[in-house]
């Protein structure tokens, strides 16, 4: 069996993971303890993020000609890739948060919704709340004026009930 045949399923797996993905972030995981790596993988998995370590050459083959092609220049040394199909900012958010407690983890770069970002760009994206957080904040700000308006109306109604109707 030729080496190419052995590598093809891995390249296909990477392509399948990236197909329809909103974002992919590359990290250098050297120096993480087993405990840190396990915790990171758990956090990413719970957020629906695929996190895998592949050989750089396999990733290069898989991303060639795709919107993730810009990652190829950063595929040096040990690399892991975090991929999200649902929440574009989840990999950046979780990885950046994790770098605070595990300094060995280093964000290299990423592609979010088709745009390449370097390390600084990914850190900026990590500060963007998830879609759900943004929606709940928006809903909260929409509900607040309505609630206040209802409260004022109720107070006016209660004040009106306390007064005796004037007779003519």
N, C-alpha and C. Protein backbone atom coordinates (compact mmCIF):
# COMPACT_ATOMS: atom_id res chain seq x y z
N UNK A 1 0.85 -1.19 0.00
CA UNK A 1 0.00 0.00 0.00
C UNK A 1 0.89 1.24 0.00
N UNK A 2 0.60 2.17 -0.87
CA UNK A 2 1.41 3.38 -0.99
C UNK A 2 1.13 4.33 0.17
N UNK A 3 2.13 5.16 0.48
CA UNK A 3 1.98 6.13 1.57
C UNK A 3 0.83 7.09 1.31
N UNK A 4 0.65 7.45 0.04
CA UNK A 4 -0.41 8.40 -0.32
C UNK A 4 -1.78 7.83 0.07
N UNK A 5 -1.96 6.53 -0.15
CA UNK A 5 -3.24 5.89 0.20
C UNK A 5 -3.49 5.92 1.70
N UNK A 6 -2.44 5.83 2.48
CA UNK A 6 -2.58 5.87 3.93
C UNK A 6 -2.91 7.28 4.41
N UNK A 7 -2.38 8.27 3.71
CA UNK A 7 -2.58 9.66 4.12
C UNK A 7 -3.92 10.23 3.65
N UNK A 8 -4.45 9.69 2.57
CA UNK A 8 -5.68 10.23 1.98
C UNK A 8 -6.86 10.28 2.97
N UNK A 9 -7.11 9.23 3.77
CA UNK A 9 -8.24 9.31 4.72
C UNK A 9 -8.07 10.44 5.74
N UNK A 10 -6.83 10.71 6.14
CA UNK A 10 -6.57 11.78 7.11
C UNK A 10 -6.86 13.14 6.47
N UNK A 11 -6.39 13.33 5.24
CA UNK A 11 -6.64 14.57 4.51
C UNK A 11 -8.15 14.75 4.32
N UNK A 12 -8.84 13.68 4.00
CA UNK A 12 -10.31 13.75 3.81
C UNK A 12 -11.02 14.11 5.12
N UNK A 13 -10.52 13.57 6.24
CA UNK A 13 -11.10 13.89 7.55
C UNK A 13 -10.95 15.39 7.86
N UNK A 14 -9.76 15.92 7.59
CA UNK A 14 -9.52 17.35 7.83
C UNK A 14 -10.44 18.18 6.94
N UNK A 15 -10.54 17.79 5.66
CA UNK A 15 -11.42 18.52 4.72
C UNK A 15 -12.87 18.48 5.21
N UNK A 16 -13.31 17.33 5.69
CA UNK A 16 -14.69 17.19 6.19
C UNK A 16 -14.92 18.07 7.41
N UNK A 17 -13.92 18.13 8.30
CA UNK A 17 -14.04 18.99 9.49
C UNK A 17 -14.12 20.46 9.11
N UNK A 18 -13.38 20.85 8.08
CA UNK A 18 -13.35 22.25 7.65
C UNK A 18 -14.53 22.63 6.75
N UNK A 19 -15.18 21.62 6.17
CA UNK A 19 -16.29 21.89 5.26
C UNK A 19 -17.44 22.55 6.03
N UNK A 20 -17.77 23.76 5.64
CA UNK A 20 -18.86 24.49 6.29
C UNK A 20 -18.45 25.13 7.61
N UNK A 21 -17.16 25.06 7.96
CA UNK A 21 -16.70 25.65 9.22
C UNK A 21 -16.72 27.17 9.14
N UNK A 22 -17.10 27.80 10.26
CA UNK A 22 -17.09 29.25 10.34
C UNK A 22 -15.72 29.77 10.72
N UNK A 23 -14.95 28.95 11.44
CA UNK A 23 -13.62 29.40 11.85
C UNK A 23 -12.71 28.22 12.14
N UNK A 24 -11.40 28.52 12.03
CA UNK A 24 -10.36 27.56 12.39
C UNK A 24 -9.19 28.36 12.96
N UNK A 25 -8.68 27.91 14.10
CA UNK A 25 -7.58 28.61 14.76
C UNK A 25 -6.44 27.62 14.99
N UNK A 26 -5.23 28.04 14.63
CA UNK A 26 -4.05 27.21 14.85
C UNK A 26 -3.36 27.62 16.15
N UNK A 27 -2.93 26.62 16.91
CA UNK A 27 -2.19 26.89 18.14
C UNK A 27 -0.95 26.01 18.22
N UNK A 28 0.02 26.48 18.98
CA UNK A 28 1.20 25.70 19.33
C UNK A 28 0.93 25.22 20.76
N UNK A 29 0.84 23.92 20.92
CA UNK A 29 0.45 23.35 22.21
C UNK A 29 1.65 22.85 23.02
N UNK A 30 2.87 23.07 22.51
CA UNK A 30 4.07 22.59 23.23
C UNK A 30 4.10 23.12 24.65
N UNK A 31 4.42 22.25 25.59
CA UNK A 31 4.57 22.68 26.97
C UNK A 31 3.31 22.53 27.82
N UNK A 32 2.18 22.20 27.19
CA UNK A 32 0.96 21.96 27.99
C UNK A 32 1.13 20.66 28.76
N UNK A 33 0.66 20.65 29.98
CA UNK A 33 0.67 19.41 30.75
C UNK A 33 -0.51 18.56 30.26
N UNK A 34 -0.49 17.29 30.57
CA UNK A 34 -1.58 16.40 30.20
C UNK A 34 -2.88 16.90 30.81
N UNK A 35 -2.79 17.35 32.06
CA UNK A 35 -3.97 17.87 32.75
C UNK A 35 -4.54 19.10 32.03
N UNK A 36 -3.66 20.02 31.63
CA UNK A 36 -4.10 21.23 30.91
C UNK A 36 -4.72 20.86 29.57
N UNK A 37 -4.05 19.94 28.85
CA UNK A 37 -4.54 19.52 27.54
C UNK A 37 -5.92 18.88 27.66
N UNK A 38 -6.10 18.04 28.66
CA UNK A 38 -7.39 17.38 28.88
C UNK A 38 -8.47 18.41 29.18
N UNK A 39 -8.16 19.39 30.02
CA UNK A 39 -9.12 20.43 30.37
C UNK A 39 -9.49 21.28 29.14
N UNK A 40 -8.48 21.63 28.35
CA UNK A 40 -8.71 22.43 27.14
C UNK A 40 -9.60 21.67 26.16
N UNK A 41 -9.28 20.40 25.93
CA UNK A 41 -10.08 19.59 25.00
C UNK A 41 -11.54 19.49 25.48
N UNK A 42 -11.73 19.36 26.78
CA UNK A 42 -13.09 19.26 27.35
C UNK A 42 -13.86 20.56 27.09
N UNK A 43 -13.23 21.71 27.38
CA UNK A 43 -13.89 23.01 27.17
C UNK A 43 -14.27 23.21 25.71
N UNK A 44 -13.35 22.86 24.81
CA UNK A 44 -13.61 23.02 23.38
C UNK A 44 -14.73 22.09 22.93
N UNK A 45 -14.68 20.84 23.39
CA UNK A 45 -15.70 19.85 23.01
C UNK A 45 -17.08 20.31 23.48
N UNK A 46 -17.17 20.82 24.71
CA UNK A 46 -18.46 21.28 25.25
C UNK A 46 -19.02 22.46 24.45
N UNK A 47 -18.14 23.21 23.78
CA UNK A 47 -18.58 24.35 22.96
C UNK A 47 -18.82 23.92 21.51
N UNK A 48 -18.69 22.63 21.25
CA UNK A 48 -18.92 22.13 19.89
C UNK A 48 -17.75 22.39 18.94
N UNK A 49 -16.56 22.59 19.51
CA UNK A 49 -15.38 22.89 18.71
C UNK A 49 -14.56 21.60 18.52
N UNK A 50 -14.18 21.34 17.28
CA UNK A 50 -13.32 20.19 16.96
C UNK A 50 -11.88 20.63 17.22
N UNK A 51 -11.14 19.86 18.00
CA UNK A 51 -9.75 20.20 18.31
C UNK A 51 -8.89 18.98 18.04
N UNK A 52 -7.97 19.09 17.08
CA UNK A 52 -7.17 17.93 16.69
C UNK A 52 -5.74 18.34 16.41
N UNK A 53 -4.86 17.37 16.55
CA UNK A 53 -3.47 17.54 16.17
C UNK A 53 -3.26 16.67 14.93
N UNK A 54 -2.85 17.31 13.85
CA UNK A 54 -2.55 16.60 12.60
C UNK A 54 -1.15 16.98 12.18
N UNK A 55 -0.57 16.16 11.31
CA UNK A 55 0.73 16.52 10.73
C UNK A 55 0.50 17.75 9.85
N UNK A 56 1.44 18.68 9.90
CA UNK A 56 1.32 19.92 9.13
C UNK A 56 1.13 19.66 7.63
N UNK A 57 1.84 18.63 7.11
CA UNK A 57 1.71 18.35 5.67
C UNK A 57 0.29 17.92 5.33
N UNK A 58 -0.36 17.19 6.22
CA UNK A 58 -1.75 16.75 5.99
C UNK A 58 -2.69 17.96 5.94
N UNK A 59 -2.48 18.88 6.88
CA UNK A 59 -3.33 20.08 6.92
C UNK A 59 -3.10 20.91 5.65
N UNK A 60 -1.82 21.01 5.23
CA UNK A 60 -1.52 21.77 4.00
C UNK A 60 -2.28 21.21 2.80
N UNK A 61 -2.28 19.89 2.67
CA UNK A 61 -3.01 19.26 1.57
C UNK A 61 -4.51 19.56 1.67
N UNK A 62 -5.03 19.47 2.87
CA UNK A 62 -6.48 19.63 3.08
C UNK A 62 -6.96 21.06 2.85
N UNK A 63 -6.14 22.06 3.19
CA UNK A 63 -6.59 23.45 3.09
C UNK A 63 -6.28 24.08 1.74
N UNK A 64 -5.50 23.40 0.94
CA UNK A 64 -5.10 23.96 -0.36
C UNK A 64 -6.34 24.32 -1.19
N UNK A 65 -6.38 25.58 -1.63
CA UNK A 65 -7.48 26.03 -2.48
C UNK A 65 -8.76 26.35 -1.73
N UNK A 66 -8.74 26.29 -0.39
CA UNK A 66 -9.94 26.60 0.40
C UNK A 66 -9.77 27.97 1.05
N UNK A 67 -10.81 28.44 1.72
CA UNK A 67 -10.71 29.72 2.42
C UNK A 67 -9.72 29.66 3.60
N UNK A 68 -9.31 28.46 3.97
CA UNK A 68 -8.37 28.28 5.08
C UNK A 68 -6.92 28.18 4.60
N UNK A 69 -6.71 28.36 3.30
CA UNK A 69 -5.39 28.27 2.69
C UNK A 69 -4.37 29.22 3.32
N UNK A 70 -4.83 30.35 3.85
CA UNK A 70 -3.94 31.34 4.44
C UNK A 70 -3.23 30.82 5.69
N UNK A 71 -3.72 29.73 6.26
CA UNK A 71 -3.10 29.17 7.47
C UNK A 71 -1.78 28.47 7.17
N UNK A 72 -1.54 28.13 5.90
CA UNK A 72 -0.40 27.27 5.55
C UNK A 72 0.95 27.83 5.97
N UNK A 73 1.12 29.17 5.95
CA UNK A 73 2.41 29.75 6.33
C UNK A 73 2.71 29.60 7.82
N UNK A 74 1.70 29.33 8.62
CA UNK A 74 1.88 29.18 10.06
C UNK A 74 2.01 27.72 10.49
N UNK A 75 1.98 26.83 9.53
CA UNK A 75 2.07 25.40 9.84
C UNK A 75 3.54 24.99 10.00
N UNK A 76 4.14 25.48 11.07
CA UNK A 76 5.53 25.16 11.41
C UNK A 76 5.52 24.66 12.85
N UNK A 77 6.29 23.63 13.12
CA UNK A 77 6.37 23.10 14.48
C UNK A 77 5.06 22.43 14.88
N UNK A 78 4.95 22.05 16.15
CA UNK A 78 3.74 21.38 16.61
C UNK A 78 2.52 22.30 16.48
N UNK A 79 1.50 21.82 15.80
CA UNK A 79 0.29 22.62 15.61
C UNK A 79 -0.94 21.79 15.89
N UNK A 80 -1.89 22.42 16.54
CA UNK A 80 -3.21 21.83 16.72
C UNK A 80 -4.19 22.80 16.07
N UNK A 81 -5.30 22.28 15.61
CA UNK A 81 -6.28 23.13 14.95
C UNK A 81 -7.62 23.00 15.68
N UNK A 82 -8.24 24.16 15.94
CA UNK A 82 -9.56 24.19 16.59
C UNK A 82 -10.55 24.71 15.53
N UNK A 83 -11.58 23.93 15.26
CA UNK A 83 -12.53 24.23 14.19
C UNK A 83 -13.94 24.32 14.74
N UNK A 84 -14.66 25.37 14.34
CA UNK A 84 -16.06 25.50 14.76
C UNK A 84 -16.95 25.70 13.55
N UNK A 85 -18.03 24.92 13.51
CA UNK A 85 -19.00 25.05 12.43
C UNK A 85 -20.18 25.93 12.84
N UNK A 86 -20.36 26.13 14.16
CA UNK A 86 -21.54 26.84 14.65
C UNK A 86 -21.25 28.26 15.14
N UNK A 87 -20.25 28.40 15.99
CA UNK A 87 -19.96 29.69 16.63
C UNK A 87 -18.60 30.17 16.13
N UNK A 88 -18.60 31.20 15.29
CA UNK A 88 -17.37 31.68 14.65
C UNK A 88 -16.31 32.13 15.64
N UNK A 89 -16.72 32.63 16.79
CA UNK A 89 -15.73 33.17 17.75
C UNK A 89 -15.34 32.17 18.84
N UNK A 90 -16.01 31.04 18.91
CA UNK A 90 -15.76 30.09 20.01
C UNK A 90 -14.31 29.62 20.11
N UNK A 91 -13.67 29.16 19.02
CA UNK A 91 -12.28 28.71 19.18
C UNK A 91 -11.38 29.83 19.71
N UNK A 92 -11.49 31.02 19.13
CA UNK A 92 -10.64 32.14 19.57
C UNK A 92 -10.92 32.49 21.02
N UNK A 93 -12.20 32.54 21.40
CA UNK A 93 -12.60 32.92 22.75
C UNK A 93 -12.07 31.92 23.78
N UNK A 94 -12.28 30.65 23.54
CA UNK A 94 -11.88 29.61 24.49
C UNK A 94 -10.35 29.50 24.57
N UNK A 95 -9.68 29.52 23.42
CA UNK A 95 -8.23 29.40 23.41
C UNK A 95 -7.56 30.60 24.07
N UNK A 96 -8.05 31.81 23.78
CA UNK A 96 -7.46 33.01 24.39
C UNK A 96 -7.65 33.00 25.90
N UNK A 97 -8.83 32.59 26.34
CA UNK A 97 -9.09 32.50 27.78
C UNK A 97 -8.15 31.47 28.41
N UNK A 98 -7.93 30.38 27.71
CA UNK A 98 -7.10 29.31 28.24
C UNK A 98 -5.63 29.71 28.31
N UNK A 99 -5.17 30.59 27.42
CA UNK A 99 -3.77 31.03 27.45
C UNK A 99 -3.45 31.78 28.73
N UNK A 100 -4.48 32.32 29.39
CA UNK A 100 -4.26 33.05 30.64
C UNK A 100 -3.85 32.11 31.78
N UNK A 101 -4.39 30.88 31.75
CA UNK A 101 -4.03 29.93 32.81
C UNK A 101 -2.96 28.94 32.36
N UNK A 102 -2.77 28.80 31.07
CA UNK A 102 -1.74 27.89 30.53
C UNK A 102 -0.90 28.67 29.54
N UNK A 103 0.11 29.35 30.06
CA UNK A 103 0.92 30.24 29.23
C UNK A 103 1.67 29.51 28.11
N UNK A 104 1.83 28.20 28.24
CA UNK A 104 2.53 27.43 27.21
C UNK A 104 1.73 27.39 25.90
N UNK A 105 0.42 27.50 25.99
CA UNK A 105 -0.42 27.48 24.79
C UNK A 105 -0.25 28.80 24.05
N UNK A 106 0.08 28.70 22.77
CA UNK A 106 0.31 29.91 21.97
C UNK A 106 -0.59 29.91 20.74
N UNK A 107 -1.39 30.95 20.61
CA UNK A 107 -2.24 31.09 19.42
C UNK A 107 -1.35 31.56 18.28
N UNK A 108 -1.44 30.88 17.14
CA UNK A 108 -0.63 31.26 15.98
C UNK A 108 -1.41 32.22 15.08
N UNK A 109 -2.57 31.78 14.60
CA UNK A 109 -3.38 32.57 13.69
C UNK A 109 -4.71 31.83 13.48
N UNK A 110 -5.55 32.39 12.64
CA UNK A 110 -6.81 31.72 12.35
C UNK A 110 -7.53 32.35 11.17
N UNK A 111 -8.57 31.67 10.75
CA UNK A 111 -9.46 32.18 9.72
C UNK A 111 -10.86 32.18 10.33
N UNK A 112 -11.48 33.35 10.35
CA UNK A 112 -12.83 33.48 10.90
C UNK A 112 -13.72 34.06 9.82
N UNK A 113 -14.77 33.30 9.49
CA UNK A 113 -15.71 33.68 8.44
C UNK A 113 -15.00 34.15 7.18
N UNK A 114 -13.98 33.38 6.76
CA UNK A 114 -13.29 33.63 5.50
C UNK A 114 -12.16 34.64 5.55
N UNK A 115 -11.93 35.28 6.68
CA UNK A 115 -10.88 36.29 6.79
C UNK A 115 -9.74 35.77 7.66
N UNK A 116 -8.50 35.95 7.16
CA UNK A 116 -7.31 35.53 7.91
C UNK A 116 -6.98 36.56 8.99
N UNK A 117 -6.66 36.07 10.18
CA UNK A 117 -6.24 36.94 11.28
C UNK A 117 -4.95 36.39 11.88
N UNK A 118 -4.02 37.30 12.18
CA UNK A 118 -2.79 36.88 12.85
C UNK A 118 -3.09 36.71 14.34
N UNK A 119 -2.06 36.47 15.11
CA UNK A 119 -2.23 36.24 16.56
C UNK A 119 -2.97 37.39 17.23
N UNK A 120 -2.59 38.63 16.94
CA UNK A 120 -3.25 39.79 17.56
C UNK A 120 -4.71 39.88 17.13
N UNK A 121 -4.98 39.58 15.86
CA UNK A 121 -6.35 39.61 15.35
C UNK A 121 -7.24 38.59 16.03
N UNK A 122 -6.70 37.39 16.23
CA UNK A 122 -7.46 36.34 16.91
C UNK A 122 -7.74 36.74 18.36
N UNK A 123 -6.77 37.37 19.01
CA UNK A 123 -6.99 37.82 20.38
C UNK A 123 -8.09 38.88 20.43
N UNK A 124 -8.15 39.75 19.43
CA UNK A 124 -9.22 40.76 19.36
C UNK A 124 -10.56 40.07 19.16
N UNK A 125 -10.61 39.10 18.27
CA UNK A 125 -11.85 38.37 18.02
C UNK A 125 -12.31 37.61 19.26
N UNK A 126 -11.37 37.18 20.07
CA UNK A 126 -11.71 36.43 21.28
C UNK A 126 -12.53 37.26 22.27
N UNK A 127 -12.48 38.58 22.12
CA UNK A 127 -13.24 39.43 23.04
C UNK A 127 -14.69 39.63 22.58
N UNK A 128 -15.01 39.16 21.39
CA UNK A 128 -16.38 39.28 20.90
C UNK A 128 -17.24 38.20 21.56
N UNK A 129 -18.34 38.58 22.20
CA UNK A 129 -19.20 37.57 22.84
C UNK A 129 -19.82 36.62 21.80
N UNK A 130 -20.28 35.48 22.27
CA UNK A 130 -20.93 34.53 21.37
C UNK A 130 -22.24 35.11 20.87
N UNK A 131 -22.76 34.53 19.83
CA UNK A 131 -24.02 34.98 19.24
C UNK A 131 -25.14 34.96 20.28
N UNK A 132 -25.17 33.89 21.09
CA UNK A 132 -26.20 33.75 22.12
C UNK A 132 -26.10 34.88 23.15
N UNK A 133 -24.86 35.20 23.56
CA UNK A 133 -24.67 36.29 24.53
C UNK A 133 -25.14 37.62 23.95
N UNK A 134 -24.79 37.86 22.68
CA UNK A 134 -25.20 39.11 22.03
C UNK A 134 -26.72 39.20 21.93
N UNK A 135 -27.36 38.08 21.55
CA UNK A 135 -28.82 38.07 21.44
C UNK A 135 -29.49 38.30 22.79
N UNK A 136 -28.95 37.68 23.84
CA UNK A 136 -29.57 37.87 25.16
C UNK A 136 -29.38 39.30 25.66
N UNK A 137 -28.22 39.90 25.36
CA UNK A 137 -28.01 41.31 25.74
C UNK A 137 -28.98 42.21 24.99
N UNK A 138 -29.15 41.93 23.69
CA UNK A 138 -30.06 42.74 22.89
C UNK A 138 -31.49 42.60 23.40
N UNK A 139 -31.90 41.36 23.68
CA UNK A 139 -33.24 41.12 24.18
C UNK A 139 -33.45 41.83 25.52
N UNK A 140 -32.44 41.76 26.38
CA UNK A 140 -32.51 42.44 27.68
C UNK A 140 -32.67 43.94 27.52
N UNK A 141 -31.94 44.51 26.58
CA UNK A 141 -32.04 45.96 26.38
C UNK A 141 -33.37 46.35 25.74
N UNK A 142 -33.95 45.44 24.96
CA UNK A 142 -35.27 45.72 24.38
C UNK A 142 -36.38 45.60 25.43
N UNK A 143 -36.24 44.65 26.33
CA UNK A 143 -37.25 44.42 27.35
C UNK A 143 -37.26 45.52 28.41
N UNK A 144 -36.12 46.08 28.69
CA UNK A 144 -36.00 47.07 29.75
C UNK A 144 -36.94 48.27 29.58
N UNK A 145 -36.96 48.93 28.41
CA UNK A 145 -37.88 50.08 28.25
C UNK A 145 -39.35 49.67 28.37
N UNK A 146 -39.69 48.49 27.85
CA UNK A 146 -41.07 48.01 27.91
C UNK A 146 -41.48 47.78 29.36
N UNK A 147 -40.59 47.17 30.15
CA UNK A 147 -40.86 46.90 31.55
C UNK A 147 -41.05 48.21 32.32
N UNK A 148 -40.16 49.17 32.07
CA UNK A 148 -40.27 50.48 32.74
C UNK A 148 -41.58 51.18 32.36
N UNK A 149 -41.95 51.12 31.10
CA UNK A 149 -43.18 51.74 30.62
C UNK A 149 -44.39 51.11 31.32
N UNK A 150 -44.40 49.78 31.42
CA UNK A 150 -45.50 49.07 32.07
C UNK A 150 -45.58 49.47 33.55
N UNK A 151 -44.43 49.63 34.20
CA UNK A 151 -44.39 50.01 35.60
C UNK A 151 -45.00 51.41 35.79
N UNK A 152 -44.65 52.34 34.92
CA UNK A 152 -45.18 53.71 34.99
C UNK A 152 -46.70 53.70 34.79
N UNK A 153 -47.17 52.94 33.81
CA UNK A 153 -48.61 52.84 33.56
C UNK A 153 -49.35 52.30 34.78
N UNK A 154 -48.75 51.28 35.42
CA UNK A 154 -49.36 50.69 36.60
C UNK A 154 -49.44 51.72 37.73
N UNK A 155 -48.37 52.47 37.92
CA UNK A 155 -48.37 53.50 38.97
C UNK A 155 -49.43 54.57 38.70
N UNK A 156 -49.57 54.96 37.45
CA UNK A 156 -50.59 55.95 37.08
C UNK A 156 -51.99 55.40 37.36
N UNK A 157 -52.18 54.13 37.00
CA UNK A 157 -53.49 53.50 37.22
C UNK A 157 -53.80 53.40 38.71
N UNK A 158 -52.79 53.01 39.53
CA UNK A 158 -52.99 52.89 40.97
C UNK A 158 -53.28 54.25 41.60
N UNK A 159 -52.58 55.26 41.12
CA UNK A 159 -52.79 56.61 41.64
C UNK A 159 -54.20 57.08 41.29
N UNK A 160 -54.65 56.74 40.10
CA UNK A 160 -56.00 57.13 39.65
C UNK A 160 -57.09 56.44 40.45
N UNK A 161 -56.85 55.20 40.91
CA UNK A 161 -57.85 54.45 41.66
C UNK A 161 -58.05 55.05 43.05
N UNK A 162 -57.05 55.66 43.61
CA UNK A 162 -57.10 56.19 44.96
C UNK A 162 -57.94 57.47 45.06
N UNK A 163 -58.12 58.14 43.97
CA UNK A 163 -58.89 59.39 43.97
C UNK A 163 -60.37 59.09 43.76
N UNK A 164 -61.20 59.77 44.52
CA UNK A 164 -62.64 59.58 44.34
C UNK A 164 -63.08 60.36 43.09
N UNK A 165 -64.00 59.77 42.33
CA UNK A 165 -64.45 60.47 41.12
C UNK A 165 -65.21 61.74 41.51
N UNK A 166 -64.95 62.78 40.81
CA UNK A 166 -65.61 64.09 41.10
C UNK A 166 -67.04 64.06 40.56
N UNK A 167 -67.96 64.48 41.44
CA UNK A 167 -69.37 64.47 41.00
C UNK A 167 -69.75 65.87 40.52
N UNK A 168 -70.59 65.91 39.53
CA UNK A 168 -71.00 67.19 38.96
C UNK A 168 -72.23 67.74 39.67
